[in-house]
Amino acid sequence: MTNVQANSSALQVGASDNVATLLGEAAQGAEVTIVGPAGKREIIAREKIALGHKIALAPINEGEAVTKFGVVIGIATQRIEPGEWVHLHNCRSQLDERSGSFDVQTGAPPKGNEYA
């Protein structure tokens, strides 16, 4: 049984963050209530987003920083629209050049590129 909700909520940790963390799984088209230091507002999930994953709060252009906790947690590898799932398929780490090729479901590196 999954916990996909018609309405969900997400926590924006820092007022300047451009992503929030889902507090329940959101269905595509679900209204997501964003709560945090920047106030309360609504955004529509553009796709299904799992509990604990990130949703974009504002447009993030390719090459721009993804910010959570008031710090850069990654770089967008393509334009990300508000309401989209922010994960391995559209952002990469500044610390690990391989991160853009990790499996989007498992986080595993591609064959031949495992950690030593």
N, C-alpha and C. Protein backbone atom coordinates (compact mmCIF):
# COMPACT_ATOMS: atom_id res chain seq x y z
N MET A 1 0.84 -1.18 0.00
CA MET A 1 0.00 0.00 0.00
C MET A 1 0.89 1.24 0.00
N THR A 2 0.62 2.18 -0.90
CA THR A 2 1.39 3.42 -0.94
C THR A 2 0.60 4.51 -0.25
N ASN A 3 1.28 5.58 0.04
CA ASN A 3 0.67 6.70 0.74
C ASN A 3 0.58 7.90 -0.19
N VAL A 4 0.05 7.71 -1.41
CA VAL A 4 -0.11 8.81 -2.36
C VAL A 4 -1.34 9.60 -1.94
N GLN A 5 -1.16 10.90 -1.81
CA GLN A 5 -2.24 11.74 -1.34
C GLN A 5 -2.65 12.75 -2.40
N ALA A 6 -3.93 13.10 -2.41
CA ALA A 6 -4.41 14.14 -3.32
C ALA A 6 -3.86 15.49 -2.90
N ASN A 7 -3.69 15.66 -1.61
CA ASN A 7 -3.08 16.87 -1.06
C ASN A 7 -1.96 16.43 -0.13
N SER A 8 -0.87 17.15 -0.16
CA SER A 8 0.28 16.78 0.65
C SER A 8 0.91 18.06 1.19
N SER A 9 1.97 17.89 1.94
CA SER A 9 2.69 19.05 2.44
C SER A 9 4.19 18.81 2.30
N ALA A 10 4.93 19.91 2.32
CA ALA A 10 6.39 19.84 2.19
C ALA A 10 7.00 20.93 3.07
N LEU A 11 8.19 20.65 3.57
CA LEU A 11 8.89 21.57 4.45
C LEU A 11 10.00 22.28 3.69
N GLN A 12 9.93 23.61 3.68
CA GLN A 12 11.01 24.45 3.17
C GLN A 12 11.85 24.82 4.38
N VAL A 13 13.06 24.30 4.47
CA VAL A 13 13.88 24.47 5.67
C VAL A 13 14.38 25.91 5.83
N GLY A 14 14.94 26.48 4.77
CA GLY A 14 15.46 27.85 4.81
C GLY A 14 14.62 28.77 3.94
N ALA A 15 14.46 30.00 4.35
CA ALA A 15 13.62 30.95 3.61
C ALA A 15 14.09 31.16 2.17
N SER A 16 15.40 30.99 1.90
CA SER A 16 15.93 31.19 0.56
C SER A 16 16.03 29.89 -0.26
N ASP A 17 15.63 28.76 0.33
CA ASP A 17 15.72 27.48 -0.38
C ASP A 17 14.81 27.48 -1.61
N ASN A 18 15.28 26.83 -2.69
CA ASN A 18 14.44 26.71 -3.89
C ASN A 18 13.84 25.31 -4.04
N VAL A 19 13.98 24.49 -2.99
CA VAL A 19 13.32 23.18 -2.92
C VAL A 19 12.74 23.00 -1.52
N ALA A 20 11.76 22.10 -1.44
CA ALA A 20 11.18 21.70 -0.16
C ALA A 20 11.12 20.18 -0.13
N THR A 21 11.06 19.60 1.06
CA THR A 21 11.04 18.15 1.24
C THR A 21 9.62 17.68 1.51
N LEU A 22 9.16 16.71 0.73
CA LEU A 22 7.80 16.18 0.88
C LEU A 22 7.65 15.46 2.21
N LEU A 23 6.56 15.74 2.92
CA LEU A 23 6.26 15.11 4.19
C LEU A 23 5.28 13.94 4.02
N GLY A 24 4.86 13.74 2.80
CA GLY A 24 3.99 12.62 2.41
C GLY A 24 4.10 12.49 0.91
N GLU A 25 3.84 11.33 0.39
CA GLU A 25 3.95 11.15 -1.07
C GLU A 25 2.88 11.97 -1.77
N ALA A 26 3.24 12.65 -2.85
CA ALA A 26 2.31 13.48 -3.60
C ALA A 26 2.06 12.87 -4.97
N ALA A 27 0.80 12.84 -5.36
CA ALA A 27 0.43 12.36 -6.69
C ALA A 27 0.63 13.48 -7.70
N GLN A 28 0.80 13.11 -8.97
CA GLN A 28 0.87 14.11 -10.03
C GLN A 28 -0.42 14.93 -10.01
N GLY A 29 -0.29 16.24 -10.04
CA GLY A 29 -1.44 17.13 -10.01
C GLY A 29 -1.94 17.47 -8.61
N ALA A 30 -1.32 16.88 -7.59
CA ALA A 30 -1.73 17.15 -6.20
C ALA A 30 -1.32 18.54 -5.77
N GLU A 31 -2.15 19.14 -4.95
CA GLU A 31 -1.80 20.42 -4.33
C GLU A 31 -0.89 20.11 -3.14
N VAL A 32 0.26 20.77 -3.11
CA VAL A 32 1.22 20.58 -2.03
C VAL A 32 1.31 21.88 -1.24
N THR A 33 1.07 21.79 0.04
CA THR A 33 1.19 22.96 0.92
C THR A 33 2.63 23.05 1.40
N ILE A 34 3.27 24.15 1.07
CA ILE A 34 4.65 24.41 1.48
C ILE A 34 4.61 25.17 2.79
N VAL A 35 5.30 24.65 3.81
CA VAL A 35 5.37 25.32 5.10
C VAL A 35 6.83 25.55 5.45
N GLY A 36 7.09 26.61 6.19
CA GLY A 36 8.46 26.92 6.59
C GLY A 36 8.63 28.38 6.87
N PRO A 37 9.89 28.83 7.02
CA PRO A 37 10.17 30.21 7.41
C PRO A 37 9.76 31.25 6.37
N ALA A 38 9.57 30.84 5.12
CA ALA A 38 9.14 31.79 4.09
C ALA A 38 7.62 31.95 4.07
N GLY A 39 6.93 31.25 4.97
CA GLY A 39 5.48 31.31 5.04
C GLY A 39 4.84 30.07 4.45
N LYS A 40 3.54 30.13 4.32
CA LYS A 40 2.76 28.99 3.82
C LYS A 40 2.23 29.34 2.43
N ARG A 41 2.34 28.40 1.50
CA ARG A 41 1.80 28.60 0.16
C ARG A 41 1.53 27.25 -0.48
N GLU A 42 0.89 27.29 -1.63
CA GLU A 42 0.53 26.06 -2.34
C GLU A 42 1.29 25.97 -3.66
N ILE A 43 1.59 24.74 -4.07
CA ILE A 43 2.21 24.48 -5.36
C ILE A 43 1.61 23.16 -5.87
N ILE A 44 1.53 23.00 -7.17
CA ILE A 44 1.00 21.77 -7.76
C ILE A 44 2.16 20.86 -8.16
N ALA A 45 2.10 19.60 -7.72
CA ALA A 45 3.13 18.62 -8.09
C ALA A 45 2.95 18.27 -9.57
N ARG A 46 3.98 18.44 -10.37
CA ARG A 46 3.92 18.15 -11.80
C ARG A 46 4.06 16.66 -12.10
N GLU A 47 4.48 15.90 -11.09
CA GLU A 47 4.65 14.45 -11.24
C GLU A 47 4.54 13.84 -9.86
N LYS A 48 4.46 12.52 -9.79
CA LYS A 48 4.43 11.83 -8.50
C LYS A 48 5.79 12.03 -7.83
N ILE A 49 5.75 12.40 -6.55
CA ILE A 49 6.98 12.63 -5.79
C ILE A 49 6.86 11.87 -4.47
N ALA A 50 7.88 11.08 -4.17
CA ALA A 50 7.86 10.23 -2.98
C ALA A 50 8.13 11.01 -1.70
N LEU A 51 7.62 10.47 -0.61
CA LEU A 51 7.90 10.97 0.73
C LEU A 51 9.40 11.17 0.91
N GLY A 52 9.81 12.32 1.42
CA GLY A 52 11.21 12.59 1.69
C GLY A 52 12.00 13.13 0.51
N HIS A 53 11.38 13.17 -0.67
CA HIS A 53 12.07 13.70 -1.85
C HIS A 53 11.78 15.19 -1.98
N LYS A 54 12.51 15.84 -2.88
CA LYS A 54 12.43 17.29 -3.02
C LYS A 54 11.53 17.71 -4.17
N ILE A 55 10.82 18.83 -3.96
CA ILE A 55 10.00 19.46 -4.97
C ILE A 55 10.55 20.86 -5.21
N ALA A 56 10.63 21.26 -6.48
CA ALA A 56 11.12 22.60 -6.81
C ALA A 56 10.06 23.64 -6.46
N LEU A 57 10.50 24.73 -5.85
CA LEU A 57 9.60 25.81 -5.46
C LEU A 57 9.61 26.96 -6.45
N ALA A 58 10.64 27.03 -7.26
CA ALA A 58 10.82 28.11 -8.23
C ALA A 58 11.55 27.53 -9.43
N PRO A 59 11.53 28.23 -10.56
CA PRO A 59 12.31 27.73 -11.70
C PRO A 59 13.80 27.69 -11.34
N ILE A 60 14.46 26.61 -11.73
CA ILE A 60 15.91 26.48 -11.52
C ILE A 60 16.50 26.18 -12.89
N ASN A 61 17.28 27.09 -13.41
CA ASN A 61 17.86 26.91 -14.74
C ASN A 61 19.03 25.94 -14.71
N GLU A 62 19.32 25.33 -15.85
CA GLU A 62 20.47 24.45 -15.97
C GLU A 62 21.71 25.20 -15.52
N GLY A 63 22.51 24.57 -14.67
CA GLY A 63 23.74 25.18 -14.15
C GLY A 63 23.55 25.97 -12.88
N GLU A 64 22.31 26.21 -12.48
CA GLU A 64 22.04 26.96 -11.25
C GLU A 64 22.06 26.04 -10.04
N ALA A 65 22.26 26.65 -8.88
CA ALA A 65 22.33 25.92 -7.62
C ALA A 65 20.95 25.45 -7.17
N VAL A 66 20.92 24.24 -6.61
CA VAL A 66 19.76 23.72 -5.89
C VAL A 66 20.08 23.95 -4.42
N THR A 67 19.21 24.68 -3.73
CA THR A 67 19.50 25.11 -2.37
C THR A 67 18.52 24.54 -1.37
N LYS A 68 19.07 23.93 -0.31
CA LYS A 68 18.29 23.40 0.81
C LYS A 68 19.11 23.65 2.07
N PHE A 69 18.48 23.91 3.18
CA PHE A 69 19.16 24.26 4.44
C PHE A 69 19.94 25.56 4.30
N GLY A 70 19.62 26.36 3.26
CA GLY A 70 20.36 27.59 3.02
C GLY A 70 21.72 27.38 2.38
N VAL A 71 22.01 26.15 1.95
CA VAL A 71 23.29 25.84 1.30
C VAL A 71 23.04 25.12 -0.03
N VAL A 72 24.02 25.18 -0.91
CA VAL A 72 23.93 24.51 -2.20
C VAL A 72 24.10 23.01 -1.98
N ILE A 73 23.10 22.24 -2.43
CA ILE A 73 23.17 20.78 -2.31
C ILE A 73 23.39 20.11 -3.66
N GLY A 74 23.35 20.89 -4.72
CA GLY A 74 23.56 20.34 -6.06
C GLY A 74 23.44 21.41 -7.12
N ILE A 75 23.65 20.99 -8.36
CA ILE A 75 23.56 21.87 -9.52
C ILE A 75 22.56 21.26 -10.50
N ALA A 76 21.64 22.06 -11.01
CA ALA A 76 20.66 21.58 -11.97
C ALA A 76 21.35 21.20 -13.28
N THR A 77 21.05 20.02 -13.80
CA THR A 77 21.61 19.57 -15.07
C THR A 77 20.68 19.87 -16.23
N GLN A 78 19.50 20.39 -15.92
CA GLN A 78 18.53 20.83 -16.91
C GLN A 78 17.60 21.80 -16.20
N ARG A 79 16.79 22.50 -16.96
CA ARG A 79 15.83 23.42 -16.32
C ARG A 79 14.83 22.60 -15.52
N ILE A 80 14.54 23.07 -14.30
CA ILE A 80 13.58 22.43 -13.42
C ILE A 80 12.47 23.44 -13.15
N GLU A 81 11.25 23.02 -13.41
CA GLU A 81 10.10 23.90 -13.23
C GLU A 81 9.53 23.75 -11.81
N PRO A 82 8.86 24.79 -11.32
CA PRO A 82 8.20 24.68 -10.01
C PRO A 82 7.24 23.49 -10.01
N GLY A 83 7.28 22.70 -8.93
CA GLY A 83 6.41 21.54 -8.82
C GLY A 83 7.03 20.25 -9.33
N GLU A 84 8.22 20.32 -9.95
CA GLU A 84 8.88 19.11 -10.44
C GLU A 84 9.69 18.45 -9.33
N TRP A 85 9.85 17.15 -9.46
CA TRP A 85 10.68 16.34 -8.58
C TRP A 85 12.13 16.72 -8.83
N VAL A 86 12.89 17.00 -7.80
CA VAL A 86 14.31 17.34 -7.90
C VAL A 86 15.09 16.14 -7.36
N HIS A 87 15.85 15.49 -8.24
CA HIS A 87 16.54 14.26 -7.86
C HIS A 87 17.70 14.02 -8.83
N LEU A 88 18.22 12.82 -8.86
CA LEU A 88 19.40 12.47 -9.66
C LEU A 88 19.23 12.67 -11.17
N HIS A 89 18.01 12.66 -11.65
CA HIS A 89 17.77 12.80 -13.09
C HIS A 89 17.86 14.24 -13.57
N ASN A 90 17.86 15.22 -12.65
CA ASN A 90 17.91 16.61 -13.09
C ASN A 90 18.85 17.49 -12.27
N CYS A 91 19.65 16.87 -11.41
CA CYS A 91 20.70 17.63 -10.71
C CYS A 91 21.87 16.72 -10.39
N ARG A 92 22.99 17.35 -10.10
CA ARG A 92 24.21 16.59 -9.80
C ARG A 92 24.89 17.23 -8.60
N SER A 93 25.77 16.47 -8.01
CA SER A 93 26.55 16.93 -6.88
C SER A 93 27.71 17.78 -7.37
N GLN A 94 28.11 18.74 -6.57
CA GLN A 94 29.35 19.48 -6.86
C GLN A 94 30.56 18.68 -6.39
N LEU A 95 30.32 17.66 -5.57
CA LEU A 95 31.40 16.92 -4.94
C LEU A 95 31.75 15.62 -5.67
N ASP A 96 30.85 15.10 -6.49
CA ASP A 96 31.07 13.83 -7.16
C ASP A 96 30.60 13.94 -8.60
N GLU A 97 31.53 13.99 -9.54
CA GLU A 97 31.19 14.18 -10.95
C GLU A 97 30.35 13.04 -11.51
N ARG A 98 30.35 11.89 -10.85
CA ARG A 98 29.56 10.75 -11.32
C ARG A 98 28.09 10.88 -10.98
N SER A 99 27.71 11.78 -10.09
CA SER A 99 26.36 11.81 -9.55
C SER A 99 25.29 11.99 -10.61
N GLY A 100 25.58 12.63 -11.71
CA GLY A 100 24.59 12.81 -12.76
C GLY A 100 24.25 11.53 -13.49
N SER A 101 25.02 10.46 -13.26
CA SER A 101 24.75 9.20 -13.95
C SER A 101 24.23 8.11 -13.01
N PHE A 102 23.98 8.43 -11.74
CA PHE A 102 23.46 7.45 -10.80
C PHE A 102 22.04 7.05 -11.20
N ASP A 103 21.66 5.82 -10.89
CA ASP A 103 20.32 5.33 -11.18
C ASP A 103 19.30 6.15 -10.38
N VAL A 104 18.28 6.66 -11.07
CA VAL A 104 17.33 7.56 -10.45
C VAL A 104 16.50 6.86 -9.36
N GLN A 105 16.28 5.56 -9.45
CA GLN A 105 15.49 4.84 -8.45
C GLN A 105 16.33 4.36 -7.27
N THR A 106 17.52 3.83 -7.55
CA THR A 106 18.32 3.21 -6.49
C THR A 106 19.48 4.07 -6.01
N GLY A 107 19.92 5.03 -6.82
CA GLY A 107 21.08 5.84 -6.48
C GLY A 107 22.40 5.15 -6.77
N ALA A 108 22.33 3.96 -7.39
CA ALA A 108 23.54 3.18 -7.69
C ALA A 108 24.30 3.80 -8.86
N PRO A 109 25.64 3.78 -8.78
CA PRO A 109 26.44 4.26 -9.91
C PRO A 109 26.34 3.27 -11.06
N PRO A 110 26.60 3.71 -12.30
CA PRO A 110 26.55 2.79 -13.44
C PRO A 110 27.63 1.72 -13.32
N LYS A 111 27.40 0.57 -13.98
CA LYS A 111 28.38 -0.52 -13.95
C LYS A 111 29.73 -0.01 -14.37
N GLY A 112 30.78 -0.46 -13.68
CA GLY A 112 32.13 -0.04 -14.00
C GLY A 112 32.53 1.27 -13.35
N ASN A 113 31.58 1.90 -12.62
CA ASN A 113 31.84 3.19 -12.00
C ASN A 113 31.54 3.15 -10.51
N GLU A 114 31.65 1.95 -9.91
CA GLU A 114 31.36 1.80 -8.50
C GLU A 114 32.47 2.41 -7.66
N TYR A 115 32.15 2.67 -6.42
CA TYR A 115 33.17 3.17 -5.50
C TYR A 115 34.21 2.10 -5.25
N ALA A 116 35.42 2.51 -5.05
CA ALA A 116 36.51 1.55 -4.76
C ALA A 116 36.46 1.15 -3.31
